[in-house]
């Protein structure tokens, strides 16, 4: 018989592996990185609350500052800390540029 798998652990490993792959900020087929698409899942116009603002209404520098703050001083229980933990400054800048309010200089 084959090896027994703990479904709970397997699911967590699968999620972790998918997140590790999705952490890249290089644009995909739809013009946005997988991580950027994850961000817009919560930060969208129909939610647009103080705790989850629509990212396309904010300048990239505001988004980058928020991502760095989340990475450098994570809040207990914050999902943002999980997303930002492994991001470099270059990753954050690229992501903020993808997600931020479009400007005339792009």
Protein backbone atom coordinates (compact mmCIF):
# COMPACT_ATOMS: atom_id res chain seq x y z
CA UNK A 1 0.00 0.00 0.00
CA UNK A 2 1.05 3.59 -0.58
CA UNK A 3 2.09 6.07 2.07
CA UNK A 4 -0.60 7.71 4.17
CA UNK A 5 -0.86 11.49 3.83
CA UNK A 6 -2.12 13.85 6.45
CA UNK A 7 -4.51 15.95 4.38
CA UNK A 8 -4.21 18.95 6.72
CA UNK A 9 -0.44 19.03 6.46
CA UNK A 10 -0.50 18.36 2.74
CA UNK A 11 -2.88 21.26 2.23
CA UNK A 12 -0.65 23.59 4.24
CA UNK A 13 2.40 22.46 2.29
CA UNK A 14 0.56 23.02 -0.99
CA UNK A 15 -0.50 26.50 0.07
CA UNK A 16 3.03 27.34 1.20
CA UNK A 17 4.47 26.09 -2.08
CA UNK A 18 1.95 28.05 -4.13
CA UNK A 19 2.67 31.19 -2.13
CA UNK A 20 6.42 30.74 -2.59
CA UNK A 21 5.88 30.60 -6.34
CA UNK A 22 3.41 33.49 -6.35
CA UNK A 23 5.67 35.78 -4.33
CA UNK A 24 7.39 36.83 -7.53
CA UNK A 25 6.45 40.31 -8.67
CA UNK A 26 7.15 39.76 -12.34
CA UNK A 27 4.05 40.40 -14.46
CA UNK A 28 2.14 37.42 -15.73
CA UNK A 29 -0.04 36.89 -18.75
CA UNK A 30 -2.64 39.39 -17.53
CA UNK A 31 -0.17 42.22 -16.89
CA UNK A 32 -0.08 41.77 -13.11
CA UNK A 33 2.02 39.51 -10.92
CA UNK A 34 0.35 36.72 -8.95
CA UNK A 35 1.14 38.61 -5.74
CA UNK A 36 -0.42 41.79 -7.13
CA UNK A 37 -3.54 39.82 -7.98
CA UNK A 38 -3.59 38.52 -4.40
CA UNK A 39 -3.44 42.09 -3.10
CA UNK A 40 -6.33 43.25 -5.22
CA UNK A 41 -8.46 40.41 -3.89
CA UNK A 42 -8.94 42.40 -0.67
CA UNK A 43 -7.92 45.92 -1.69
CA UNK A 44 -10.58 46.72 -4.28
CA UNK A 45 -12.93 49.59 -5.00
CA UNK A 46 -16.05 47.90 -3.62
CA UNK A 47 -14.33 47.34 -0.24
CA UNK A 48 -12.34 50.61 -0.03
CA UNK A 49 -12.29 50.99 3.75
CA UNK A 50 -9.65 52.67 5.92
CA UNK A 51 -8.17 49.27 6.79
CA UNK A 52 -8.38 47.95 3.20
CA UNK A 53 -8.16 50.89 0.78
CA UNK A 54 -8.49 50.36 -2.95
CA UNK A 55 -4.84 50.33 -4.02
CA UNK A 56 -5.40 51.99 -7.39
CA UNK A 57 -6.44 55.15 -5.51
CA UNK A 58 -3.10 55.46 -3.68
CA UNK A 59 0.25 56.70 -5.00
CA UNK A 60 2.89 53.96 -5.28
CA UNK A 61 5.07 55.65 -2.65
CA UNK A 62 2.23 55.35 -0.08
CA UNK A 63 1.77 51.66 -0.90
CA UNK A 64 5.52 51.02 -0.72
CA UNK A 65 5.76 52.72 2.68
CA UNK A 66 2.86 50.64 3.99
CA UNK A 67 4.37 47.39 2.68
CA UNK A 68 7.75 48.20 4.27
CA UNK A 69 6.06 49.04 7.58
CA UNK A 70 4.17 45.74 7.47
CA UNK A 71 7.37 43.84 6.70
CA UNK A 72 9.62 45.64 9.19
CA UNK A 73 7.20 45.96 12.13
CA UNK A 74 4.52 43.31 11.60
CA UNK A 75 1.33 43.53 13.62
CA UNK A 76 0.31 40.39 15.49
CA UNK A 77 -2.31 38.48 13.52
CA UNK A 78 -1.95 40.64 10.41
CA UNK A 79 -2.20 38.80 7.13
CA UNK A 80 -0.14 41.56 5.53
CA UNK A 81 2.93 40.46 7.52
CA UNK A 82 2.66 37.04 5.85
CA UNK A 83 2.61 38.61 2.41
CA UNK A 84 5.46 41.05 3.03
CA UNK A 85 7.84 38.95 5.16
CA UNK A 86 10.07 37.83 2.27
CA UNK A 87 9.79 40.88 0.01
CA UNK A 88 12.93 42.88 -0.76
CA UNK A 89 12.86 46.65 -1.19
CA UNK A 90 13.05 46.12 -4.96
CA UNK A 91 10.08 43.71 -4.81
CA UNK A 92 8.08 46.25 -2.81
CA UNK A 93 8.86 49.08 -5.22
CA UNK A 94 7.84 46.97 -8.23
CA UNK A 95 4.66 45.81 -6.55
CA UNK A 96 3.70 49.34 -5.43
CA UNK A 97 4.25 50.61 -8.97
CA UNK A 98 2.00 47.86 -10.37
CA UNK A 99 -0.76 48.45 -7.83
CA UNK A 100 -0.65 52.20 -7.28
CA UNK A 101 -2.67 54.97 -8.78
CA UNK A 102 -1.71 55.49 -12.41
CA UNK A 103 0.12 58.72 -13.08
CA UNK A 104 0.68 60.73 -16.22
CA UNK A 105 4.40 59.96 -16.07
CA UNK A 106 4.13 56.18 -16.50
